[in-house]
PDB file of N, CA and C in Angstrom:
ATOM      1  N   MET A   1     -21.558   5.879 -44.000  1.00  0.00           N
ATOM      2  CA  MET A   1     -20.765   4.685 -44.222  1.00  0.00           C
ATOM      3  C   MET A   1     -21.493   3.698 -45.123  1.00  0.00           C
ATOM      4  N   TRP A   2     -22.783   3.462 -44.893  1.00  0.00           N
ATOM      5  CA  TRP A   2     -23.483   2.410 -45.649  1.00  0.00           C
ATOM      6  C   TRP A   2     -23.916   2.866 -47.036  1.00  0.00           C
ATOM      7  N   GLY A   3     -24.167   4.126 -47.267  1.00  0.00           N
ATOM      8  CA  GLY A   3     -24.669   4.564 -48.536  1.00  0.00           C
ATOM      9  C   GLY A   3     -23.599   4.934 -49.549  1.00  0.00           C
ATOM     10  N   LYS A   4     -22.346   4.876 -49.153  1.00  0.00           N
ATOM     11  CA  LYS A   4     -21.284   5.317 -50.032  1.00  0.00           C
ATOM     12  C   LYS A   4     -20.748   4.163 -50.905  1.00  0.00           C
ATOM     13  N   VAL A   5     -20.453   4.455 -52.148  1.00  0.00           N
ATOM     14  CA  VAL A   5     -19.869   3.495 -53.067  1.00  0.00           C
ATOM     15  C   VAL A   5     -18.463   3.947 -53.348  1.00  0.00           C
ATOM     16  N   GLN A   6     -17.504   3.062 -53.206  1.00  0.00           N
ATOM     17  CA  GLN A   6     -16.124   3.393 -53.448  1.00  0.00           C
ATOM     18  C   GLN A   6     -15.554   2.453 -54.495  1.00  0.00           C
ATOM     19  N   THR A   7     -15.020   2.998 -55.551  1.00  0.00           N
ATOM     20  CA  THR A   7     -14.418   2.189 -56.605  1.00  0.00           C
ATOM     21  C   THR A   7     -12.962   1.922 -56.255  1.00  0.00           C
ATOM     22  N   VAL A   8     -12.609   0.647 -56.286  1.00  0.00           N
ATOM     23  CA  VAL A   8     -11.261   0.281 -55.904  1.00  0.00           C
ATOM     24  C   VAL A   8     -10.407  -0.103 -57.113  1.00  0.00           C
ATOM     25  N   GLY A   9     -11.001  -0.268 -58.255  1.00  0.00           N
ATOM     26  CA  GLY A   9     -10.234  -0.616 -59.451  1.00  0.00           C
ATOM     27  C   GLY A   9     -11.153  -1.173 -60.516  1.00  0.00           C
ATOM     28  N   THR A  10     -10.578  -1.405 -61.685  1.00  0.00           N
ATOM     29  CA  THR A  10     -11.372  -1.957 -62.771  1.00  0.00           C
ATOM     30  C   THR A  10     -11.165  -3.462 -62.831  1.00  0.00           C
ATOM     31  N   ILE A  11     -11.979  -4.090 -63.641  1.00  0.00           N
ATOM     32  CA  ILE A  11     -11.898  -5.558 -63.764  1.00  0.00           C
ATOM     33  C   ILE A  11     -10.575  -5.945 -64.386  1.00  0.00           C
ATOM     34  N   THR A  12     -10.107  -5.195 -65.333  1.00  0.00           N
ATOM     35  CA  THR A  12      -8.840  -5.544 -66.014  1.00  0.00           C
ATOM     36  C   THR A  12      -7.650  -5.491 -65.066  1.00  0.00           C
ATOM     37  N   GLU A  13      -7.752  -4.687 -64.021  1.00  0.00           N
ATOM     38  CA  GLU A  13      -6.658  -4.665 -63.039  1.00  0.00           C
ATOM     39  C   GLU A  13      -6.609  -5.957 -62.215  1.00  0.00           C
ATOM     40  N   PHE A  14      -7.772  -6.601 -62.085  1.00  0.00           N
ATOM     41  CA  PHE A  14      -7.811  -7.853 -61.309  1.00  0.00           C
ATOM     42  C   PHE A  14      -7.472  -9.082 -62.142  1.00  0.00           C
ATOM     43  N   ILE A  15      -7.584  -8.944 -63.458  1.00  0.00           N
ATOM     44  CA  ILE A  15      -7.269 -10.074 -64.330  1.00  0.00           C
ATOM     45  C   ILE A  15      -5.780 -10.040 -64.649  1.00  0.00           C
ATOM     46  N   ASN A  16      -5.121 -11.106 -64.327  1.00  0.00           N
ATOM     47  CA  ASN A  16      -3.693 -11.190 -64.611  1.00  0.00           C
ATOM     48  C   ASN A  16      -3.507 -11.846 -65.974  1.00  0.00           C
ATOM     49  N   LYS A  17      -2.977 -11.113 -66.883  1.00  0.00           N
ATOM     50  CA  LYS A  17      -2.820 -11.616 -68.259  1.00  0.00           C
ATOM     51  C   LYS A  17      -1.753 -12.718 -68.312  1.00  0.00           C
ATOM     52  N   GLU A  18      -0.860 -12.748 -67.370  1.00  0.00           N
ATOM     53  CA  GLU A  18       0.222 -13.723 -67.402  1.00  0.00           C
ATOM     54  C   GLU A  18      -0.194 -15.045 -66.732  1.00  0.00           C
ATOM     55  N   ALA A  19      -1.339 -15.082 -66.076  1.00  0.00           N
ATOM     56  CA  ALA A  19      -1.776 -16.289 -65.395  1.00  0.00           C
ATOM     57  C   ALA A  19      -2.229 -17.313 -66.449  1.00  0.00           C
ATOM     58  N   THR A  20      -1.995 -18.565 -66.154  1.00  0.00           N
ATOM     59  CA  THR A  20      -2.417 -19.623 -67.068  1.00  0.00           C
ATOM     60  C   THR A  20      -3.731 -20.203 -66.591  1.00  0.00           C
ATOM     61  N   LEU A  21      -4.472 -20.697 -67.526  1.00  0.00           N
ATOM     62  CA  LEU A  21      -5.710 -21.379 -67.165  1.00  0.00           C
ATOM     63  C   LEU A  21      -5.414 -22.821 -66.787  1.00  0.00           C
ATOM     64  N   GLY A  22      -5.989 -23.283 -65.660  1.00  0.00           N
ATOM     65  CA  GLY A  22      -5.733 -24.630 -65.199  1.00  0.00           C
ATOM     66  C   GLY A  22      -4.451 -24.695 -64.399  1.00  0.00           C
ATOM     67  N   THR A  23      -4.289 -25.800 -63.732  1.00  0.00           N
ATOM     68  CA  THR A  23      -3.072 -26.012 -62.945  1.00  0.00           C
ATOM     69  C   THR A  23      -2.477 -27.354 -63.303  1.00  0.00           C
ATOM     70  N   SER A  24      -1.241 -27.475 -63.084  1.00  0.00           N
ATOM     71  CA  SER A  24      -0.575 -28.758 -63.347  1.00  0.00           C
ATOM     72  C   SER A  24      -0.603 -29.599 -62.067  1.00  0.00           C
ATOM     73  N   ALA A  25      -0.485 -30.913 -62.244  1.00  0.00           N
ATOM     74  CA  ALA A  25      -0.453 -31.805 -61.086  1.00  0.00           C
ATOM     75  C   ALA A  25       0.859 -31.633 -60.358  1.00  0.00           C
ATOM     76  N   SER A  26       0.788 -31.766 -59.048  1.00  0.00           N
ATOM     77  CA  SER A  26       2.012 -31.644 -58.273  1.00  0.00           C
ATOM     78  C   SER A  26       2.934 -32.848 -58.493  1.00  0.00           C
ATOM     79  N   PHE A  27       4.182 -32.624 -58.435  1.00  0.00           N
ATOM     80  CA  PHE A  27       5.152 -33.691 -58.666  1.00  0.00           C
ATOM     81  C   PHE A  27       5.059 -34.767 -57.578  1.00  0.00           C
ATOM     82  N   ASN A  28       4.811 -34.352 -56.352  1.00  0.00           N
ATOM     83  CA  ASN A  28       4.713 -35.312 -55.261  1.00  0.00           C
ATOM     84  C   ASN A  28       3.523 -36.262 -55.460  1.00  0.00           C
ATOM     85  N   GLY A  29       2.395 -35.733 -55.889  1.00  0.00           N
ATOM     86  CA  GLY A  29       1.237 -36.581 -56.142  1.00  0.00           C
ATOM     87  C   GLY A  29       1.486 -37.542 -57.278  1.00  0.00           C
ATOM     88  N   LEU A  30       2.153 -37.042 -58.324  1.00  0.00           N
ATOM     89  CA  LEU A  30       2.504 -37.911 -59.462  1.00  0.00           C
ATOM     90  C   LEU A  30       3.508 -38.988 -59.049  1.00  0.00           C
ATOM     91  N   LEU A  31       4.478 -38.621 -58.258  1.00  0.00           N
ATOM     92  CA  LEU A  31       5.464 -39.579 -57.771  1.00  0.00           C
ATOM     93  C   LEU A  31       4.798 -40.632 -56.871  1.00  0.00           C
ATOM     94  N   ASP A  32       3.898 -40.200 -56.007  1.00  0.00           N
ATOM     95  CA  ASP A  32       3.184 -41.127 -55.139  1.00  0.00           C
ATOM     96  C   ASP A  32       2.353 -42.117 -55.962  1.00  0.00           C
ATOM     97  N   TRP A  33       1.716 -41.624 -57.003  1.00  0.00           N
ATOM     98  CA  TRP A  33       0.918 -42.499 -57.857  1.00  0.00           C
ATOM     99  C   TRP A  33       1.840 -43.463 -58.607  1.00  0.00           C
ATOM    100  N   ALA A  34       2.981 -43.014 -59.040  1.00  0.00           N
ATOM    101  CA  ALA A  34       3.906 -43.866 -59.803  1.00  0.00           C
ATOM    102  C   ALA A  34       4.478 -44.984 -58.906  1.00  0.00           C
ATOM    103  N   LEU A  35       4.682 -44.700 -57.640  1.00  0.00           N
ATOM    104  CA  LEU A  35       5.223 -45.700 -56.734  1.00  0.00           C
ATOM    105  C   LEU A  35       4.177 -46.642 -56.211  1.00  0.00           C
ATOM    106  N   HIS A  36       2.931 -46.174 -56.053  1.00  0.00           N
ATOM    107  CA  HIS A  36       1.846 -47.008 -55.514  1.00  0.00           C
ATOM    108  C   HIS A  36       0.602 -46.859 -56.384  1.00  0.00           C
ATOM    109  N   PRO A  37       0.645 -47.364 -57.617  1.00  0.00           N
ATOM    110  CA  PRO A  37      -0.508 -47.100 -58.516  1.00  0.00           C
ATOM    111  C   PRO A  37      -1.798 -47.768 -58.116  1.00  0.00           C
ATOM    112  N   VAL A  38      -1.724 -48.983 -57.593  1.00  0.00           N
ATOM    113  CA  VAL A  38      -2.960 -49.712 -57.252  1.00  0.00           C
ATOM    114  C   VAL A  38      -3.655 -49.080 -56.075  1.00  0.00           C
ATOM    115  N   GLU A  39      -2.909 -48.731 -55.029  1.00  0.00           N
ATOM    116  CA  GLU A  39      -3.509 -48.121 -53.848  1.00  0.00           C
ATOM    117  C   GLU A  39      -4.104 -46.755 -54.178  1.00  0.00           C
ATOM    118  N   ARG A  40      -3.424 -45.971 -54.961  1.00  0.00           N
ATOM    119  CA  ARG A  40      -3.909 -44.646 -55.325  1.00  0.00           C
ATOM    120  C   ARG A  40      -5.158 -44.745 -56.190  1.00  0.00           C
ATOM    121  N   THR A  41      -5.193 -45.718 -57.099  1.00  0.00           N
ATOM    122  CA  THR A  41      -6.340 -45.885 -57.980  1.00  0.00           C
ATOM    123  C   THR A  41      -7.559 -46.325 -57.164  1.00  0.00           C
ATOM    124  N   LYS A  42      -7.344 -47.206 -56.186  1.00  0.00           N
ATOM    125  CA  LYS A  42      -8.469 -47.616 -55.325  1.00  0.00           C
ATOM    126  C   LYS A  42      -9.000 -46.430 -54.534  1.00  0.00           C
ATOM    127  N   GLU A  43      -8.102 -45.619 -54.004  1.00  0.00           N
ATOM    128  CA  GLU A  43      -8.501 -44.454 -53.209  1.00  0.00           C
ATOM    129  C   GLU A  43      -9.280 -43.442 -54.070  1.00  0.00           C
ATOM    130  N   ILE A  44      -8.803 -43.224 -55.288  1.00  0.00           N
ATOM    131  CA  ILE A  44      -9.484 -42.285 -56.165  1.00  0.00           C
ATOM    132  C   ILE A  44     -10.854 -42.852 -56.559  1.00  0.00           C
ATOM    133  N   GLY A  45     -10.919 -44.164 -56.792  1.00  0.00           N
ATOM    134  CA  GLY A  45     -12.179 -44.814 -57.113  1.00  0.00           C
ATOM    135  C   GLY A  45     -13.196 -44.690 -55.986  1.00  0.00           C
ATOM    136  N   ALA A  46     -12.740 -44.870 -54.750  1.00  0.00           N
ATOM    137  CA  ALA A  46     -13.650 -44.737 -53.596  1.00  0.00           C
ATOM    138  C   ALA A  46     -14.120 -43.306 -53.473  1.00  0.00           C
ATOM    139  N   ASN A  47     -13.248 -42.333 -53.694  1.00  0.00           N
ATOM    140  CA  ASN A  47     -13.665 -40.937 -53.633  1.00  0.00           C
ATOM    141  C   ASN A  47     -14.663 -40.588 -54.711  1.00  0.00           C
ATOM    142  N   VAL A  48     -14.478 -41.123 -55.924  1.00  0.00           N
ATOM    143  CA  VAL A  48     -15.429 -40.890 -57.013  1.00  0.00           C
ATOM    144  C   VAL A  48     -16.764 -41.534 -56.679  1.00  0.00           C
ATOM    145  N   ALA A  49     -16.747 -42.727 -56.137  1.00  0.00           N
ATOM    146  CA  ALA A  49     -17.996 -43.412 -55.774  1.00  0.00           C
ATOM    147  C   ALA A  49     -18.739 -42.611 -54.698  1.00  0.00           C
ATOM    148  N   TYR A  50     -18.013 -42.119 -53.706  1.00  0.00           N
ATOM    149  CA  TYR A  50     -18.684 -41.351 -52.674  1.00  0.00           C
ATOM    150  C   TYR A  50     -19.183 -39.996 -53.210  1.00  0.00           C
ATOM    151  N   ASP A  51     -18.430 -39.395 -54.117  1.00  0.00           N
ATOM    152  CA  ASP A  51     -18.878 -38.127 -54.701  1.00  0.00           C
ATOM    153  C   ASP A  51     -20.162 -38.325 -55.508  1.00  0.00           C
ATOM    154  N   ASN A  52     -20.354 -39.494 -56.099  1.00  0.00           N
ATOM    155  CA  ASN A  52     -21.576 -39.783 -56.839  1.00  0.00           C
ATOM    156  C   ASN A  52     -22.744 -40.088 -55.929  1.00  0.00           C
ATOM    157  N   ILE A  53     -22.480 -40.710 -54.799  1.00  0.00           N
ATOM    158  CA  ILE A  53     -23.530 -41.104 -53.857  1.00  0.00           C
ATOM    159  C   ILE A  53     -23.880 -39.937 -52.904  1.00  0.00           C
ATOM    160  N   GLY A  54     -22.917 -39.068 -52.663  1.00  0.00           N
ATOM    161  CA  GLY A  54     -23.034 -37.997 -51.661  1.00  0.00           C
ATOM    162  C   GLY A  54     -24.277 -37.132 -51.783  1.00  0.00           C
ATOM    163  N   PRO A  55     -24.649 -36.630 -52.965  1.00  0.00           N
ATOM    164  CA  PRO A  55     -25.831 -35.780 -53.059  1.00  0.00           C
ATOM    165  C   PRO A  55     -27.124 -36.494 -52.648  1.00  0.00           C
ATOM    166  N   TYR A  56     -27.232 -37.776 -52.953  1.00  0.00           N
ATOM    167  CA  TYR A  56     -28.426 -38.514 -52.557  1.00  0.00           C
ATOM    168  C   TYR A  56     -28.476 -38.692 -51.054  1.00  0.00           C
ATOM    169  N   LEU A  57     -27.315 -38.910 -50.442  1.00  0.00           N
ATOM    170  CA  LEU A  57     -27.261 -39.000 -48.986  1.00  0.00           C
ATOM    171  C   LEU A  57     -27.636 -37.684 -48.336  1.00  0.00           C
ATOM    172  N   ASP A  58     -27.218 -36.571 -48.932  1.00  0.00           N
ATOM    173  CA  ASP A  58     -27.593 -35.264 -48.407  1.00  0.00           C
ATOM    174  C   ASP A  58     -29.089 -35.043 -48.481  1.00  0.00           C
ATOM    175  N   ILE A  59     -29.709 -35.473 -49.560  1.00  0.00           N
ATOM    176  CA  ILE A  59     -31.175 -35.316 -49.714  1.00  0.00           C
ATOM    177  C   ILE A  59     -31.882 -36.152 -48.650  1.00  0.00           C
ATOM    178  N   VAL A  60     -31.430 -37.385 -48.425  1.00  0.00           N
ATOM    179  CA  VAL A  60     -32.034 -38.237 -47.421  1.00  0.00           C
ATOM    180  C   VAL A  60     -31.881 -37.607 -46.033  1.00  0.00           C
ATOM    181  N   CYS A  61     -30.720 -37.044 -45.752  1.00  0.00           N
ATOM    182  CA  CYS A  61     -30.498 -36.411 -44.459  1.00  0.00           C
ATOM    183  C   CYS A  61     -31.413 -35.199 -44.242  1.00  0.00           C
ATOM    184  N   MET A  62     -31.627 -34.420 -45.314  1.00  0.00           N
ATOM    185  CA  MET A  62     -32.480 -33.249 -45.182  1.00  0.00           C
ATOM    186  C   MET A  62     -33.948 -33.623 -45.042  1.00  0.00           C
ATOM    187  N   ILE A  63     -34.361 -34.704 -45.707  1.00  0.00           N
ATOM    188  CA  ILE A  63     -35.743 -35.106 -45.642  1.00  0.00           C
ATOM    189  C   ILE A  63     -36.057 -35.789 -44.285  1.00  0.00           C
ATOM    190  N   SER A  64     -35.071 -36.357 -43.659  1.00  0.00           N
ATOM    191  CA  SER A  64     -35.318 -37.114 -42.425  1.00  0.00           C
ATOM    192  C   SER A  64     -35.762 -36.224 -41.291  1.00  0.00           C
ATOM    193  N   TYR A  65     -35.344 -34.970 -41.264  1.00  0.00           N
ATOM    194  CA  TYR A  65     -35.735 -34.097 -40.140  1.00  0.00           C
ATOM    195  C   TYR A  65     -37.224 -33.827 -40.074  1.00  0.00           C
ATOM    196  N   PRO A  66     -37.873 -33.399 -41.174  1.00  0.00           N
ATOM    197  CA  PRO A  66     -39.320 -33.167 -41.071  1.00  0.00           C
ATOM    198  C   PRO A  66     -40.116 -34.447 -40.816  1.00  0.00           C
ATOM    199  N   ILE A  67     -39.668 -35.547 -41.392  1.00  0.00           N
ATOM    200  CA  ILE A  67     -40.390 -36.818 -41.164  1.00  0.00           C
ATOM    201  C   ILE A  67     -40.240 -37.213 -39.713  1.00  0.00           C
ATOM    202  N   ALA A  68     -39.073 -37.111 -39.142  1.00  0.00           N
ATOM    203  CA  ALA A  68     -38.883 -37.453 -37.730  1.00  0.00           C
ATOM    204  C   ALA A  68     -39.681 -36.510 -36.824  1.00  0.00           C
ATOM    205  N   SER A  69     -39.756 -35.251 -37.187  1.00  0.00           N
ATOM    206  CA  SER A  69     -40.527 -34.296 -36.396  1.00  0.00           C
ATOM    207  C   SER A  69     -42.008 -34.660 -36.348  1.00  0.00           C
ATOM    208  N   VAL A  70     -42.547 -35.044 -37.500  1.00  0.00           N
ATOM    209  CA  VAL A  70     -43.953 -35.465 -37.546  1.00  0.00           C
ATOM    210  C   VAL A  70     -44.196 -36.723 -36.752  1.00  0.00           C
ATOM    211  N   MET A  71     -43.263 -37.670 -36.863  1.00  0.00           N
ATOM    212  CA  MET A  71     -43.405 -38.926 -36.120  1.00  0.00           C
ATOM    213  C   MET A  71     -43.328 -38.691 -34.615  1.00  0.00           C
ATOM    214  N   ILE A  72     -42.443 -37.824 -34.166  1.00  0.00           N
ATOM    215  CA  ILE A  72     -42.309 -37.564 -32.731  1.00  0.00           C
ATOM    216  C   ILE A  72     -43.556 -36.789 -32.231  1.00  0.00           C
ATOM    217  N   THR A  73     -44.072 -35.877 -33.058  1.00  0.00           N
ATOM    218  CA  THR A  73     -45.301 -35.174 -32.679  1.00  0.00           C
ATOM    219  C   THR A  73     -46.462 -36.157 -32.538  1.00  0.00           C
ATOM    220  N   MET A  74     -46.572 -37.068 -33.486  1.00  0.00           N
ATOM    221  CA  MET A  74     -47.633 -38.094 -33.405  1.00  0.00           C
ATOM    222  C   MET A  74     -47.476 -38.989 -32.185  1.00  0.00           C
ATOM    223  N   ALA A  75     -46.224 -39.324 -31.865  1.00  0.00           N
ATOM    224  CA  ALA A  75     -45.959 -40.127 -30.668  1.00  0.00           C
ATOM    225  C   ALA A  75     -46.367 -39.381 -29.391  1.00  0.00           C
ATOM    226  N   GLY A  76     -46.097 -38.048 -29.374  1.00  0.00           N
ATOM    227  CA  GLY A  76     -46.519 -37.262 -28.235  1.00  0.00           C
ATOM    228  C   GLY A  76     -48.027 -37.211 -28.104  1.00  0.00           C
ATOM    229  N   LEU A  77     -48.721 -37.085 -29.216  1.00  0.00           N
ATOM    230  CA  LEU A  77     -50.184 -37.102 -29.174  1.00  0.00           C
ATOM    231  C   LEU A  77     -50.708 -38.467 -28.728  1.00  0.00           C
ATOM    232  N   LEU A  78     -50.076 -39.529 -29.164  1.00  0.00           N
ATOM    233  CA  LEU A  78     -50.476 -40.871 -28.715  1.00  0.00           C
ATOM    234  C   LEU A  78     -50.250 -41.007 -27.215  1.00  0.00           C
ATOM    235  N   TYR A  79     -49.199 -40.427 -26.687  1.00  0.00           N
ATOM    236  CA  TYR A  79     -48.930 -40.487 -25.251  1.00  0.00           C
ATOM    237  C   TYR A  79     -50.014 -39.755 -24.485  1.00  0.00           C
ATOM    238  N   ILE A  80     -50.461 -38.606 -25.008  1.00  0.00           N
ATOM    239  CA  ILE A  80     -51.509 -37.838 -24.360  1.00  0.00           C
ATOM    240  C   ILE A  80     -52.809 -38.613 -24.347  1.00  0.00           C
ATOM    241  N   VAL A  81     -53.082 -39.361 -25.423  1.00  0.00           N
ATOM    242  CA  VAL A  81     -54.344 -40.106 -25.528  1.00  0.00           C
ATOM    243  C   VAL A  81     -54.236 -41.448 -24.811  1.00  0.00           C
ATOM    244  N   SER A  82     -53.163 -41.684 -24.108  1.00  0.00           N
ATOM    245  CA  SER A  82     -52.931 -42.841 -23.241  1.00  0.00           C
ATOM    246  C   SER A  82     -52.594 -44.132 -23.999  1.00  0.00           C
ATOM    247  N   PHE A  83     -51.925 -44.004 -25.140  1.00  0.00           N
ATOM    248  CA  PHE A  83     -51.294 -45.166 -25.773  1.00  0.00           C
ATOM    249  C   PHE A  83     -49.816 -45.095 -25.471  1.00  0.00           C
ATOM    250  N   LYS A  84     -49.488 -45.229 -24.183  1.00  0.00           N
ATOM    251  CA  LYS A  84     -48.135 -44.963 -23.705  1.00  0.00           C
ATOM    252  C   LYS A  84     -47.077 -45.919 -24.317  1.00  0.00           C
ATOM    253  N   GLU A  85     -47.385 -47.193 -24.350  1.00  0.00           N
ATOM    254  CA  GLU A  85     -46.383 -48.153 -24.855  1.00  0.00           C
ATOM    255  C   GLU A  85     -46.134 -47.949 -26.356  1.00  0.00           C
ATOM    256  N   LYS A  86     -47.187 -47.694 -27.097  1.00  0.00           N
ATOM    257  CA  LYS A  86     -47.026 -47.461 -28.527  1.00  0.00           C
ATOM    258  C   LYS A  86     -46.255 -46.167 -28.789  1.00  0.00           C
ATOM    259  N   SER A  87     -46.535 -45.127 -28.011  1.00  0.00           N
ATOM    260  CA  SER A  87     -45.833 -43.861 -28.212  1.00  0.00           C
ATOM    261  C   SER A  87     -44.368 -43.964 -27.851  1.00  0.00           C
ATOM    262  N   ILE A  88     -44.025 -44.668 -26.792  1.00  0.00           N
ATOM    263  CA  ILE A  88     -42.613 -44.860 -26.406  1.00  0.00           C
ATOM    264  C   ILE A  88     -41.902 -45.653 -27.488  1.00  0.00           C
ATOM    265  N   SER A  89     -42.557 -46.636 -28.052  1.00  0.00           N
ATOM    266  CA  SER A  89     -41.987 -47.401 -29.139  1.00  0.00           C
ATOM    267  C   SER A  89     -41.721 -46.512 -30.356  1.00  0.00           C
ATOM    268  N   TRP A  90     -42.676 -45.675 -30.731  1.00  0.00           N
ATOM    269  CA  TRP A  90     -42.493 -44.754 -31.851  1.00  0.00           C
ATOM    270  C   TRP A  90     -41.355 -43.773 -31.593  1.00  0.00           C
ATOM    271  N   LEU A  91     -41.306 -43.210 -30.369  1.00  0.00           N
ATOM    272  CA  LEU A  91     -40.251 -42.298 -30.034  1.00  0.00           C
ATOM    273  C   LEU A  91     -38.857 -42.938 -30.150  1.00  0.00           C
ATOM    274  N   THR A  92     -38.761 -44.171 -29.637  1.00  0.00           N
ATOM    275  CA  THR A  92     -37.487 -44.860 -29.645  1.00  0.00           C
ATOM    276  C   THR A  92     -37.043 -45.167 -31.087  1.00  0.00           C
ATOM    277  N   LYS A  93     -37.965 -45.757 -31.842  1.00  0.00           N
ATOM    278  CA  LYS A  93     -37.639 -46.134 -33.229  1.00  0.00           C
ATOM    279  C   LYS A  93     -37.307 -44.913 -34.082  1.00  0.00           C
ATOM    280  N   THR A  94     -38.092 -43.846 -33.912  1.00  0.00           N
ATOM    281  CA  THR A  94     -37.849 -42.639 -34.690  1.00  0.00           C
ATOM    282  C   THR A  94     -36.505 -41.994 -34.347  1.00  0.00           C
ATOM    283  N   SER A  95     -36.200 -41.953 -33.067  1.00  0.00           N
ATOM    284  CA  SER A  95     -34.917 -41.370 -32.646  1.00  0.00           C
ATOM    285  C   SER A  95     -33.730 -42.174 -33.184  1.00  0.00           C
ATOM    286  N   ILE A  96     -33.810 -43.498 -33.068  1.00  0.00           N
ATOM    287  CA  ILE A  96     -32.714 -44.314 -33.549  1.00  0.00           C
ATOM    288  C   ILE A  96     -32.564 -44.197 -35.062  1.00  0.00           C
ATOM    289  N   ALA A  97     -33.704 -44.207 -35.781  1.00  0.00           N
ATOM    290  CA  ALA A  97     -33.647 -44.084 -37.247  1.00  0.00           C
ATOM    291  C   ALA A  97     -33.097 -42.720 -37.656  1.00  0.00           C
ATOM    292  N   TYR A  98     -33.491 -41.664 -36.975  1.00  0.00           N
ATOM    293  CA  TYR A  98     -32.998 -40.329 -37.323  1.00  0.00           C
ATOM    294  C   TYR A  98     -31.510 -40.215 -37.120  1.00  0.00           C
ATOM    295  N   VAL A  99     -30.990 -40.719 -35.992  1.00  0.00           N
ATOM    296  CA  VAL A  99     -29.555 -40.662 -35.736  1.00  0.00           C
ATOM    297  C   VAL A  99     -28.808 -41.506 -36.753  1.00  0.00           C
ATOM    298  N   PHE A 100     -29.323 -42.691 -37.090  1.00  0.00           N
ATOM    299  CA  PHE A 100     -28.672 -43.535 -38.074  1.00  0.00           C
ATOM    300  C   PHE A 100     -28.619 -42.854 -39.445  1.00  0.00           C
ATOM    301  N   ILE A 101     -29.714 -42.202 -39.842  1.00  0.00           N
ATOM    302  CA  ILE A 101     -29.761 -41.522 -41.137  1.00  0.00           C
ATOM    303  C   ILE A 101     -28.767 -40.350 -41.144  1.00  0.00           C
ATOM    304  N   GLN A 102     -28.656 -39.639 -40.018  1.00  0.00           N
ATOM    305  CA  GLN A 102     -27.690 -38.529 -39.990  1.00  0.00           C
ATOM    306  C   GLN A 102     -26.253 -39.033 -40.015  1.00  0.00           C
ATOM    307  N   LEU A 103     -26.003 -40.240 -39.547  1.00  0.00           N
ATOM    308  CA  LEU A 103     -24.661 -40.808 -39.591  1.00  0.00           C
ATOM    309  C   LEU A 103     -24.372 -41.558 -40.894  1.00  0.00           C
ATOM    310  N   LEU A 104     -25.374 -41.695 -41.758  1.00  0.00           N
ATOM    311  CA  LEU A 104     -25.223 -42.473 -42.977  1.00  0.00           C
ATOM    312  C   LEU A 104     -24.104 -41.995 -43.890  1.00  0.00           C
ATOM    313  N   PRO A 105     -23.905 -40.690 -44.128  1.00  0.00           N
ATOM    314  CA  PRO A 105     -22.779 -40.290 -44.965  1.00  0.00           C
ATOM    315  C   PRO A 105     -21.414 -40.707 -44.382  1.00  0.00           C
ATOM    316  N   MET A 106     -21.272 -40.572 -43.079  1.00  0.00           N
ATOM    317  CA  MET A 106     -20.008 -40.977 -42.452  1.00  0.00           C
ATOM    318  C   MET A 106     -19.809 -42.490 -42.523  1.00  0.00           C
ATOM    319  N   LEU A 107     -20.861 -43.263 -42.316  1.00  0.00           N
ATOM    320  CA  LEU A 107     -20.770 -44.701 -42.353  1.00  0.00           C
ATOM    321  C   LEU A 107     -20.490 -45.183 -43.780  1.00  0.00           C
ATOM    322  N   THR A 108     -21.072 -44.518 -44.776  1.00  0.00           N
ATOM    323  CA  THR A 108     -20.811 -44.874 -46.146  1.00  0.00           C
ATOM    324  C   THR A 108     -19.355 -44.619 -46.521  1.00  0.00           C
ATOM    325  N   LYS A 109     -18.863 -43.443 -46.109  1.00  0.00           N
ATOM    326  CA  LYS A 109     -17.457 -43.096 -46.382  1.00  0.00           C
ATOM    327  C   LYS A 109     -16.512 -44.094 -45.686  1.00  0.00           C
ATOM    328  N   ALA A 110     -16.839 -44.486 -44.466  1.00  0.00           N
ATOM    329  CA  ALA A 110     -16.017 -45.440 -43.747  1.00  0.00           C
ATOM    330  C   ALA A 110     -16.051 -46.816 -44.418  1.00  0.00           C
ATOM    331  N   ALA A 111     -17.242 -47.223 -44.887  1.00  0.00           N
ATOM    332  CA  ALA A 111     -17.359 -48.520 -45.573  1.00  0.00           C
ATOM    333  C   ALA A 111     -16.525 -48.523 -46.869  1.00  0.00           C
ATOM    334  N   LEU A 112     -16.585 -47.426 -47.619  1.00  0.00           N
ATOM    335  CA  LEU A 112     -15.780 -47.339 -48.828  1.00  0.00           C
ATOM    336  C   LEU A 112     -14.288 -47.379 -48.518  1.00  0.00           C
ATOM    337  N   GLN A 113     -13.889 -46.719 -47.447  1.00  0.00           N
ATOM    338  CA  GLN A 113     -12.468 -46.739 -47.049  1.00  0.00           C
ATOM    339  C   GLN A 113     -12.038 -48.144 -46.621  1.00  0.00           C
ATOM    340  N   LEU A 114     -12.945 -48.893 -45.994  1.00  0.00           N
ATOM    341  CA  LEU A 114     -12.621 -50.246 -45.586  1.00  0.00           C
ATOM    342  C   LEU A 114     -12.504 -51.168 -46.805  1.00  0.00           C
ATOM    343  N   LEU A 115     -13.305 -50.889 -47.824  1.00  0.00           N
ATOM    344  CA  LEU A 115     -13.248 -51.718 -49.027  1.00  0.00           C
ATOM    345  C   LEU A 115     -11.933 -51.562 -49.797  1.00  0.00           C
ATOM    346  N   ILE A 116     -11.307 -50.406 -49.710  1.00  0.00           N
ATOM    347  CA  ILE A 116     -10.087 -50.197 -50.484  1.00  0.00           C
ATOM    348  C   ILE A 116      -8.843 -50.683 -49.731  1.00  0.00           C
ATOM    349  N   THR A 117      -8.983 -51.028 -48.462  1.00  0.00           N
ATOM    350  CA  THR A 117      -7.798 -51.507 -47.742  1.00  0.00           C
ATOM    351  C   THR A 117      -7.679 -53.008 -47.834  1.00  0.00           C
TER     352      THR A 117
END
């Protein structure tokens, strides 16, 4: 089963010569924009702004995990060495900061949606 190769067709069979490149806008979307141009433009602008900010937020979210892991490990070592209050403070601040950073894309999207209303 795993070593067998089975040909199902050629590339030209999968390419539809009658298909057009690109798609046209739906009439409902065009009609909605024509009836409510300001609201639709604001919504599109907010989506474009978030699409531009989104990759940077993703990078921050990915970087936050290793940094938080190191900080929590250091707090655990401080707890072992009997700096209990300092370690609890580090654990609390790191946990809150990590959760906030993970929620940052959602909060940004919500803030942009509030700005357009």
